Amino acid sequence: MEFRFPMVKLLDYKKDWPALEASANIFASVVMVHLRNLETADDPQSRNGYKISLMRSFYDKGYSPQQIRDLYNLIDAMMALPKDLEEQFLKEIYKLRAC
């Protein structure tokens, strides 16, 4: 038995960030999360900013509440923050939800 499937290198999408941002495809958002996670591995302050920015973009794209919760869970699992920054992130998310 043999399986054939196309392979994609997610790092290649970094050069096409504007297209990812413009896309309504939820997988584009997942790729954005992955790329920002790699970029901010050693910079928690930047990671916090990107995490907030990504969440804001999900609201702006009009994702459903369930999609936003699912993406939040993904971001939270992938982009861990120190406790103080996590609290700051959550405050910003609560503000977004209130709008």
Protein backbone atom coordinates (compact mmCIF):
# COMPACT_ATOMS: atom_id res chain seq x y z
CA MET A 1 0.00 0.00 0.00
CA GLU A 2 1.27 3.44 -0.86
CA PHE A 3 -0.02 6.84 0.14
CA ARG A 4 0.67 9.98 -1.84
CA PHE A 5 -0.12 13.43 -0.60
CA PRO A 6 1.22 16.92 -1.21
CA MET A 7 3.62 18.34 1.33
CA VAL A 8 3.82 21.95 2.38
CA LYS A 9 6.57 23.71 4.26
CA LEU A 10 4.83 26.25 6.49
CA LEU A 11 7.94 28.43 6.70
CA ASP A 12 7.51 29.18 2.99
CA TYR A 13 4.33 31.08 3.81
CA LYS A 14 6.28 33.67 5.81
CA LYS A 15 7.13 35.56 2.63
CA ASP A 16 3.42 35.76 1.81
CA TRP A 17 2.25 37.17 5.16
CA PRO A 18 -0.07 39.80 3.60
CA ALA A 19 -1.97 37.06 1.78
CA LEU A 20 -2.32 35.12 5.03
CA GLU A 21 -3.67 38.21 6.77
CA ALA A 22 -6.14 38.88 3.96
CA SER A 23 -7.38 35.31 3.77
CA ALA A 24 -10.69 34.32 5.36
CA ASN A 25 -9.51 30.70 5.38
CA ILE A 26 -9.14 29.55 8.96
CA PHE A 27 -6.10 27.47 8.05
CA ALA A 28 -4.30 30.68 7.06
CA SER A 29 -4.83 31.81 10.64
CA VAL A 30 -3.34 28.55 11.92
CA VAL A 31 -0.28 29.11 9.73
CA MET A 32 0.02 32.66 11.10
CA VAL A 33 -0.06 31.31 14.66
CA HIS A 34 2.69 28.81 13.83
CA LEU A 35 4.92 31.40 12.16
CA ARG A 36 4.53 33.94 14.96
CA ASN A 37 5.19 31.23 17.51
CA LEU A 38 8.54 30.48 15.87
CA GLU A 39 9.46 34.16 15.58
CA THR A 40 8.78 34.95 19.23
CA ALA A 41 10.24 31.88 20.90
CA ASP A 42 12.78 33.96 22.87
CA ASP A 43 10.83 37.20 23.22
CA PRO A 44 7.80 36.91 25.54
CA GLN A 45 6.90 40.62 25.23
CA SER A 46 6.69 40.40 21.44
CA ARG A 47 4.85 37.10 21.72
CA ASN A 48 2.23 38.76 23.90
CA GLY A 49 1.78 41.54 21.35
CA TYR A 50 1.47 39.10 18.46
CA LYS A 51 -0.90 36.92 20.42
CA ILE A 52 -3.19 39.90 21.01
CA SER A 53 -2.86 40.99 17.38
CA LEU A 54 -3.75 37.53 16.11
CA MET A 55 -6.80 37.32 18.34
CA ARG A 56 -7.93 40.77 17.17
CA SER A 57 -7.59 39.63 13.55
CA PHE A 58 -9.90 36.67 14.23
CA TYR A 59 -12.61 39.02 15.45
CA ASP A 60 -12.01 41.35 12.50
CA LYS A 61 -12.36 38.46 10.05
CA GLY A 62 -15.77 37.67 11.45
CA TYR A 63 -15.01 34.16 12.65
CA SER A 64 -17.77 32.49 14.61
CA PRO A 65 -17.53 32.40 18.42
CA GLN A 66 -16.72 28.68 18.24
CA GLN A 67 -13.94 29.25 15.70
CA ILE A 68 -12.49 32.00 17.88
CA ARG A 69 -12.58 29.73 20.94
CA ASP A 70 -10.86 26.96 18.97
CA LEU A 71 -8.18 29.34 17.70
CA TYR A 72 -7.74 30.78 21.19
CA ASN A 73 -7.14 27.26 22.53
CA LEU A 74 -4.59 26.63 19.79
CA ILE A 75 -2.80 29.92 20.41
CA ASP A 76 -2.83 29.38 24.15
CA ALA A 77 -1.32 25.91 23.77
CA MET A 78 1.34 26.98 21.27
CA MET A 79 2.29 30.44 22.51
CA ALA A 80 2.85 30.12 26.24
CA LEU A 81 3.50 33.33 28.15
CA PRO A 82 4.91 34.07 31.60
CA LYS A 83 2.17 34.54 34.21
CA ASP A 84 2.28 38.36 34.24
CA LEU A 85 2.05 38.60 30.44
CA GLU A 86 -0.68 35.96 30.34
CA GLU A 87 -2.75 38.12 32.69
CA GLN A 88 -2.16 41.14 30.46
CA PHE A 89 -3.15 39.09 27.40
CA LEU A 90 -6.37 37.93 29.04
CA LYS A 91 -7.31 41.52 29.96
CA GLU A 92 -6.90 42.52 26.32
CA ILE A 93 -9.00 39.57 25.15
CA TYR A 94 -11.79 40.48 27.55
CA LYS A 95 -11.76 44.00 26.07
CA LEU A 96 -12.03 42.53 22.57
CA ARG A 97 -14.95 40.36 23.57
CA ALA A 98 -16.76 43.34 25.06
CA CYS A 99 -16.70 45.22 21.73
